[in-house]
Amino acid sequence: MQFNLGVKGIIRKKDKILVLKRNQKDVHKPGIWETPGGTMDDNISPQEELKREIAEETGLEVEICEPFNVFTFIRDDTKEFKIGITFCCDYVSGEVILSEEHSEYNWIKPDDFKQLESITSLYDEIDKYAQKYGK
């Protein structure tokens, strides 16, 4: 079986986390809210790839901290099976400048994520994060 590795980051700044809204023209889950990240492309560590993805998607500099969650999913458009690692990340510097992949961003309290349109597994992941770090 072939699979791809994905990396995601929960970027925290004080008591809030950064969420991004996927562009409406995206072929995979258009218009949903998510955390930044992407598929491993290069022969570098997951942490280095995530740092690169976050800079590309948001313009932010972050410190990659501990792995937080492991997840799996199948892309709607390509039917690829992916395994992903979500890392907790601390905001270091910068202002959010979105790439064309996303149309909006927001810094929210983790408990407020359930009010946004997303996918079940991410609701569960953010809820798990809120239970561990949000109180």
N, C-alpha and C. Protein backbone atom coordinates (compact mmCIF):
# COMPACT_ATOMS: atom_id res chain seq x y z
N MET A 1 0.85 -1.18 0.00
CA MET A 1 0.00 0.00 0.00
C MET A 1 0.89 1.24 0.00
N GLN A 2 0.56 2.18 -0.84
CA GLN A 2 1.28 3.46 -0.89
C GLN A 2 0.52 4.49 -0.06
N PHE A 3 1.26 5.32 0.65
CA PHE A 3 0.63 6.39 1.41
C PHE A 3 1.57 7.58 1.42
N ASN A 4 1.02 8.73 1.74
CA ASN A 4 1.80 9.95 1.87
C ASN A 4 1.72 10.43 3.31
N LEU A 5 2.75 11.12 3.74
CA LEU A 5 2.78 11.68 5.08
C LEU A 5 2.44 13.15 5.01
N GLY A 6 1.52 13.57 5.88
CA GLY A 6 1.15 14.98 5.99
C GLY A 6 1.55 15.50 7.36
N VAL A 7 1.73 16.81 7.43
CA VAL A 7 2.05 17.47 8.69
C VAL A 7 1.11 18.65 8.87
N LYS A 8 0.65 18.86 10.09
CA LYS A 8 -0.23 19.97 10.43
C LYS A 8 0.29 20.60 11.71
N GLY A 9 -0.08 21.86 11.92
CA GLY A 9 0.36 22.56 13.13
C GLY A 9 -0.77 23.30 13.81
N ILE A 10 -0.87 23.12 15.10
CA ILE A 10 -1.75 23.97 15.90
C ILE A 10 -0.87 25.08 16.44
N ILE A 11 -1.01 26.26 15.83
CA ILE A 11 -0.18 27.40 16.21
C ILE A 11 -0.86 28.14 17.34
N ARG A 12 -0.16 28.25 18.46
CA ARG A 12 -0.75 28.90 19.63
C ARG A 12 -0.07 30.24 19.89
N LYS A 13 -0.89 31.20 20.24
CA LYS A 13 -0.43 32.56 20.57
C LYS A 13 -1.27 32.98 21.76
N LYS A 14 -0.64 33.00 22.93
CA LYS A 14 -1.34 33.21 24.20
C LYS A 14 -2.40 32.13 24.35
N ASP A 15 -3.66 32.49 24.49
CA ASP A 15 -4.70 31.48 24.71
C ASP A 15 -5.50 31.18 23.44
N LYS A 16 -4.96 31.58 22.28
CA LYS A 16 -5.67 31.38 21.02
C LYS A 16 -4.85 30.52 20.06
N ILE A 17 -5.57 29.97 19.07
CA ILE A 17 -4.92 29.18 18.02
C ILE A 17 -5.31 29.78 16.67
N LEU A 18 -4.47 29.54 15.67
CA LEU A 18 -4.72 30.06 14.33
C LEU A 18 -5.47 29.02 13.50
N VAL A 19 -6.56 29.45 12.87
CA VAL A 19 -7.29 28.60 11.93
C VAL A 19 -7.39 29.33 10.59
N LEU A 20 -7.40 28.54 9.51
CA LEU A 20 -7.44 29.07 8.16
C LEU A 20 -8.64 28.50 7.42
N LYS A 21 -9.26 29.33 6.58
CA LYS A 21 -10.39 28.86 5.77
C LYS A 21 -9.89 28.54 4.36
N ARG A 22 -10.14 27.31 3.93
CA ARG A 22 -9.72 26.88 2.60
C ARG A 22 -10.44 27.69 1.53
N ASN A 23 -9.73 27.99 0.47
CA ASN A 23 -10.27 28.71 -0.66
C ASN A 23 -11.48 27.96 -1.23
N GLN A 24 -12.52 28.69 -1.63
CA GLN A 24 -13.74 28.06 -2.18
C GLN A 24 -13.47 27.31 -3.49
N LYS A 25 -12.39 27.64 -4.17
CA LYS A 25 -12.08 26.98 -5.44
C LYS A 25 -11.23 25.72 -5.26
N ASP A 26 -10.85 25.41 -4.03
CA ASP A 26 -10.02 24.23 -3.78
C ASP A 26 -10.81 22.97 -4.11
N VAL A 27 -10.15 21.97 -4.71
CA VAL A 27 -10.84 20.73 -5.06
C VAL A 27 -11.03 19.80 -3.86
N HIS A 28 -10.26 20.01 -2.82
CA HIS A 28 -10.36 19.17 -1.61
C HIS A 28 -10.90 20.00 -0.45
N LYS A 29 -12.11 19.71 -0.03
CA LYS A 29 -12.76 20.36 1.12
C LYS A 29 -12.79 21.89 1.01
N PRO A 30 -13.34 22.44 -0.08
CA PRO A 30 -13.38 23.90 -0.21
C PRO A 30 -14.21 24.54 0.90
N GLY A 31 -13.73 25.68 1.39
CA GLY A 31 -14.48 26.48 2.35
C GLY A 31 -14.45 26.02 3.79
N ILE A 32 -13.77 24.92 4.10
CA ILE A 32 -13.75 24.48 5.50
C ILE A 32 -12.59 25.16 6.23
N TRP A 33 -12.70 25.19 7.54
CA TRP A 33 -11.65 25.74 8.40
C TRP A 33 -10.71 24.62 8.80
N GLU A 34 -9.43 24.95 8.87
CA GLU A 34 -8.41 23.95 9.18
C GLU A 34 -7.22 24.62 9.85
N THR A 35 -6.26 23.80 10.20
CA THR A 35 -4.98 24.29 10.70
C THR A 35 -3.97 24.20 9.55
N PRO A 36 -2.90 25.00 9.57
CA PRO A 36 -1.96 24.99 8.46
C PRO A 36 -1.14 23.70 8.39
N GLY A 37 -0.68 23.39 7.18
CA GLY A 37 0.15 22.21 6.99
C GLY A 37 0.10 21.73 5.56
N GLY A 38 0.65 20.56 5.33
CA GLY A 38 0.66 20.01 3.98
C GLY A 38 1.31 18.66 3.93
N THR A 39 1.57 18.21 2.71
CA THR A 39 2.17 16.90 2.46
C THR A 39 3.68 17.01 2.42
N MET A 40 4.34 16.02 2.96
CA MET A 40 5.80 15.96 2.91
C MET A 40 6.23 15.83 1.46
N ASP A 41 7.08 16.76 1.00
CA ASP A 41 7.56 16.75 -0.37
C ASP A 41 9.04 16.47 -0.47
N ASP A 42 9.79 16.90 0.49
CA ASP A 42 11.25 16.86 0.41
C ASP A 42 11.82 15.84 1.38
N ASN A 43 13.10 15.58 1.25
CA ASN A 43 13.81 14.70 2.18
C ASN A 43 14.28 15.50 3.39
N ILE A 44 13.33 16.03 4.12
CA ILE A 44 13.62 16.76 5.35
C ILE A 44 12.73 16.22 6.45
N SER A 45 12.99 16.61 7.68
CA SER A 45 12.19 16.11 8.80
C SER A 45 10.77 16.68 8.74
N PRO A 46 9.81 15.98 9.36
CA PRO A 46 8.45 16.52 9.43
C PRO A 46 8.41 17.92 10.05
N GLN A 47 9.24 18.16 11.04
CA GLN A 47 9.27 19.48 11.68
C GLN A 47 9.73 20.57 10.71
N GLU A 48 10.77 20.28 9.94
CA GLU A 48 11.26 21.25 8.95
C GLU A 48 10.22 21.49 7.86
N GLU A 49 9.57 20.42 7.41
CA GLU A 49 8.52 20.56 6.39
C GLU A 49 7.36 21.39 6.91
N LEU A 50 6.96 21.16 8.16
CA LEU A 50 5.86 21.93 8.73
C LEU A 50 6.23 23.40 8.86
N LYS A 51 7.42 23.68 9.30
CA LYS A 51 7.88 25.07 9.41
C LYS A 51 7.82 25.76 8.05
N ARG A 52 8.23 25.04 7.00
CA ARG A 52 8.19 25.57 5.64
C ARG A 52 6.75 25.80 5.19
N GLU A 53 5.87 24.84 5.44
CA GLU A 53 4.46 24.96 5.06
C GLU A 53 3.79 26.13 5.77
N ILE A 54 4.06 26.29 7.05
CA ILE A 54 3.46 27.38 7.81
C ILE A 54 3.92 28.73 7.27
N ALA A 55 5.21 28.85 6.99
CA ALA A 55 5.73 30.11 6.42
C ALA A 55 5.09 30.38 5.06
N GLU A 56 4.94 29.35 4.24
CA GLU A 56 4.35 29.50 2.92
C GLU A 56 2.87 29.89 2.99
N GLU A 57 2.11 29.25 3.89
CA GLU A 57 0.67 29.48 3.96
C GLU A 57 0.28 30.70 4.76
N THR A 58 1.13 31.11 5.72
CA THR A 58 0.73 32.20 6.63
C THR A 58 1.73 33.33 6.75
N GLY A 59 2.97 33.11 6.35
CA GLY A 59 4.00 34.13 6.53
C GLY A 59 4.55 34.19 7.94
N LEU A 60 4.13 33.29 8.82
CA LEU A 60 4.56 33.34 10.22
C LEU A 60 5.81 32.51 10.47
N GLU A 61 6.55 32.93 11.48
CA GLU A 61 7.65 32.13 12.00
C GLU A 61 7.14 31.48 13.28
N VAL A 62 7.36 30.19 13.40
CA VAL A 62 6.91 29.44 14.57
C VAL A 62 8.03 28.57 15.10
N GLU A 63 7.87 28.16 16.34
CA GLU A 63 8.72 27.13 16.92
C GLU A 63 7.89 25.85 16.94
N ILE A 64 8.41 24.80 16.32
CA ILE A 64 7.71 23.52 16.31
C ILE A 64 8.01 22.83 17.64
N CYS A 65 6.96 22.49 18.35
CA CYS A 65 7.12 21.85 19.67
C CYS A 65 6.83 20.36 19.55
N GLU A 66 6.12 19.81 20.49
CA GLU A 66 5.92 18.37 20.54
C GLU A 66 4.86 17.88 19.56
N PRO A 67 5.01 16.62 19.08
CA PRO A 67 3.92 16.01 18.31
C PRO A 67 2.69 15.91 19.21
N PHE A 68 1.54 16.19 18.64
CA PHE A 68 0.31 16.19 19.45
C PHE A 68 -0.65 15.07 19.07
N ASN A 69 -0.73 14.76 17.78
CA ASN A 69 -1.73 13.80 17.34
C ASN A 69 -1.26 13.12 16.04
N VAL A 70 -1.71 11.90 15.83
CA VAL A 70 -1.50 11.19 14.57
C VAL A 70 -2.89 10.92 14.00
N PHE A 71 -3.06 11.18 12.70
CA PHE A 71 -4.37 11.01 12.08
C PHE A 71 -4.21 10.37 10.71
N THR A 72 -5.32 9.88 10.17
CA THR A 72 -5.34 9.33 8.81
C THR A 72 -6.55 9.90 8.08
N PHE A 73 -6.44 9.99 6.75
CA PHE A 73 -7.59 10.39 5.94
C PHE A 73 -7.35 10.02 4.49
N ILE A 74 -8.43 10.06 3.72
CA ILE A 74 -8.36 9.83 2.28
C ILE A 74 -8.81 11.11 1.60
N ARG A 75 -7.96 11.63 0.72
CA ARG A 75 -8.30 12.86 -0.03
C ARG A 75 -9.49 12.59 -0.94
N ASP A 76 -10.43 13.53 -0.98
CA ASP A 76 -11.60 13.39 -1.84
C ASP A 76 -11.23 13.36 -3.31
N ASP A 77 -10.31 14.22 -3.72
CA ASP A 77 -10.04 14.41 -5.14
C ASP A 77 -9.10 13.35 -5.72
N THR A 78 -8.09 12.92 -4.98
CA THR A 78 -7.10 11.98 -5.51
C THR A 78 -7.24 10.56 -4.96
N LYS A 79 -8.04 10.41 -3.92
CA LYS A 79 -8.24 9.12 -3.23
C LYS A 79 -6.96 8.61 -2.59
N GLU A 80 -5.98 9.50 -2.37
CA GLU A 80 -4.75 9.10 -1.70
C GLU A 80 -5.01 8.86 -0.22
N PHE A 81 -4.42 7.82 0.32
CA PHE A 81 -4.46 7.55 1.75
C PHE A 81 -3.29 8.29 2.38
N LYS A 82 -3.59 9.09 3.40
CA LYS A 82 -2.54 9.87 4.05
C LYS A 82 -2.52 9.58 5.54
N ILE A 83 -1.31 9.59 6.06
CA ILE A 83 -1.08 9.54 7.50
C ILE A 83 -0.53 10.91 7.87
N GLY A 84 -1.03 11.48 8.94
CA GLY A 84 -0.58 12.82 9.32
C GLY A 84 -0.14 12.90 10.76
N ILE A 85 0.73 13.85 11.00
CA ILE A 85 1.18 14.18 12.36
C ILE A 85 0.86 15.64 12.61
N THR A 86 0.18 15.91 13.70
CA THR A 86 -0.08 17.29 14.10
C THR A 86 0.89 17.64 15.22
N PHE A 87 1.54 18.78 15.09
CA PHE A 87 2.46 19.29 16.10
C PHE A 87 1.88 20.53 16.76
N CYS A 88 2.15 20.71 18.03
CA CYS A 88 1.89 21.98 18.68
C CYS A 88 3.01 22.92 18.27
N CYS A 89 2.66 24.15 17.96
CA CYS A 89 3.63 25.15 17.51
C CYS A 89 3.40 26.44 18.28
N ASP A 90 4.48 27.10 18.66
CA ASP A 90 4.38 28.39 19.33
C ASP A 90 4.67 29.50 18.34
N TYR A 91 3.81 30.50 18.30
CA TYR A 91 4.02 31.67 17.46
C TYR A 91 5.30 32.36 17.91
N VAL A 92 6.15 32.75 16.95
CA VAL A 92 7.38 33.48 17.24
C VAL A 92 7.27 34.91 16.74
N SER A 93 6.95 35.08 15.44
CA SER A 93 6.85 36.44 14.90
C SER A 93 6.13 36.44 13.56
N GLY A 94 5.78 37.67 13.12
CA GLY A 94 5.18 37.87 11.81
C GLY A 94 3.71 38.22 11.89
N GLU A 95 3.23 38.72 10.77
CA GLU A 95 1.81 39.00 10.58
C GLU A 95 1.29 38.00 9.56
N VAL A 96 0.05 37.55 9.73
CA VAL A 96 -0.50 36.57 8.82
C VAL A 96 -0.68 37.18 7.43
N ILE A 97 -0.06 36.54 6.44
CA ILE A 97 -0.24 36.86 5.03
C ILE A 97 -0.61 35.54 4.37
N LEU A 98 -1.85 35.42 3.95
CA LEU A 98 -2.34 34.15 3.41
C LEU A 98 -1.85 33.87 2.00
N SER A 99 -1.60 32.60 1.72
CA SER A 99 -1.32 32.16 0.35
C SER A 99 -2.67 32.03 -0.37
N GLU A 100 -2.63 31.67 -1.66
CA GLU A 100 -3.86 31.50 -2.43
C GLU A 100 -4.67 30.28 -1.98
N GLU A 101 -4.08 29.44 -1.14
CA GLU A 101 -4.79 28.25 -0.67
C GLU A 101 -5.92 28.59 0.30
N HIS A 102 -5.84 29.74 0.94
CA HIS A 102 -6.81 30.11 1.97
C HIS A 102 -7.37 31.51 1.72
N SER A 103 -8.61 31.72 2.18
CA SER A 103 -9.28 32.99 1.94
C SER A 103 -9.44 33.82 3.21
N GLU A 104 -9.38 33.19 4.37
CA GLU A 104 -9.56 33.89 5.65
C GLU A 104 -8.72 33.21 6.72
N TYR A 105 -8.51 33.96 7.80
CA TYR A 105 -7.86 33.38 8.98
C TYR A 105 -8.48 34.00 10.21
N ASN A 106 -8.27 33.35 11.33
CA ASN A 106 -8.75 33.88 12.59
C ASN A 106 -7.95 33.26 13.73
N TRP A 107 -7.66 34.06 14.74
CA TRP A 107 -7.11 33.57 15.99
C TRP A 107 -8.29 33.36 16.92
N ILE A 108 -8.51 32.13 17.34
CA ILE A 108 -9.69 31.82 18.15
C ILE A 108 -9.30 31.05 19.41
N LYS A 109 -10.19 31.06 20.38
CA LYS A 109 -10.03 30.16 21.52
C LYS A 109 -10.41 28.76 21.04
N PRO A 110 -9.66 27.75 21.46
CA PRO A 110 -9.93 26.39 20.95
C PRO A 110 -11.39 25.94 21.10
N ASP A 111 -12.04 26.33 22.19
CA ASP A 111 -13.44 25.93 22.39
C ASP A 111 -14.38 26.52 21.34
N ASP A 112 -13.97 27.59 20.66
CA ASP A 112 -14.81 28.22 19.66
C ASP A 112 -14.74 27.54 18.29
N PHE A 113 -13.81 26.61 18.13
CA PHE A 113 -13.65 25.96 16.83
C PHE A 113 -14.91 25.22 16.41
N LYS A 114 -15.64 24.67 17.36
CA LYS A 114 -16.83 23.88 17.02
C LYS A 114 -17.91 24.71 16.33
N GLN A 115 -17.79 26.05 16.37
CA GLN A 115 -18.75 26.93 15.69
C GLN A 115 -18.44 27.10 14.20
N LEU A 116 -17.26 26.64 13.75
CA LEU A 116 -16.83 26.81 12.37
C LEU A 116 -17.10 25.55 11.57
N GLU A 117 -17.25 25.69 10.25
CA GLU A 117 -17.44 24.54 9.38
C GLU A 117 -16.09 23.84 9.16
N SER A 118 -16.04 22.56 9.52
CA SER A 118 -14.80 21.81 9.36
C SER A 118 -15.13 20.33 9.19
N ILE A 119 -14.16 19.47 9.51
CA ILE A 119 -14.36 18.03 9.41
C ILE A 119 -14.35 17.43 10.81
N THR A 120 -15.02 16.31 10.96
CA THR A 120 -15.19 15.68 12.28
C THR A 120 -13.86 15.42 12.97
N SER A 121 -12.90 14.89 12.24
CA SER A 121 -11.62 14.55 12.89
C SER A 121 -10.91 15.79 13.43
N LEU A 122 -11.06 16.94 12.76
CA LEU A 122 -10.42 18.15 13.26
C LEU A 122 -11.18 18.72 14.47
N TYR A 123 -12.51 18.59 14.47
CA TYR A 123 -13.25 18.98 15.67
C TYR A 123 -12.73 18.17 16.87
N ASP A 124 -12.55 16.87 16.65
CA ASP A 124 -12.07 16.00 17.73
C ASP A 124 -10.66 16.39 18.17
N GLU A 125 -9.79 16.69 17.19
CA GLU A 125 -8.41 17.05 17.51
C GLU A 125 -8.34 18.37 18.29
N ILE A 126 -9.09 19.37 17.86
CA ILE A 126 -9.07 20.67 18.55
C ILE A 126 -9.70 20.54 19.93
N ASP A 127 -10.72 19.70 20.05
CA ASP A 127 -11.32 19.47 21.37
C ASP A 127 -10.31 18.80 22.31
N LYS A 128 -9.58 17.84 21.78
CA LYS A 128 -8.53 17.16 22.57
C LYS A 128 -7.46 18.18 22.99
N TYR A 129 -7.09 19.07 22.06
CA TYR A 129 -6.12 20.12 22.37
C TYR A 129 -6.67 21.04 23.47
N ALA A 130 -7.93 21.44 23.35
CA ALA A 130 -8.54 22.34 24.35
C ALA A 130 -8.56 21.68 25.73
N GLN A 131 -8.85 20.39 25.78
CA GLN A 131 -8.87 19.69 27.05
C GLN A 131 -7.47 19.66 27.68
N LYS A 132 -6.45 19.49 26.86
CA LYS A 132 -5.11 19.37 27.39
C LYS A 132 -4.46 20.73 27.69
N TYR A 133 -4.67 21.71 26.81
CA TYR A 133 -3.94 22.99 26.94
C TYR A 133 -4.83 24.21 27.19
N GLY A 134 -6.12 24.07 26.95
CA GLY A 134 -6.99 25.26 26.98
C GLY A 134 -7.47 25.70 28.33
N LYS A 135 -7.30 24.92 29.32
CA LYS A 135 -7.87 25.28 30.63
C LYS A 135 -6.85 25.93 31.52
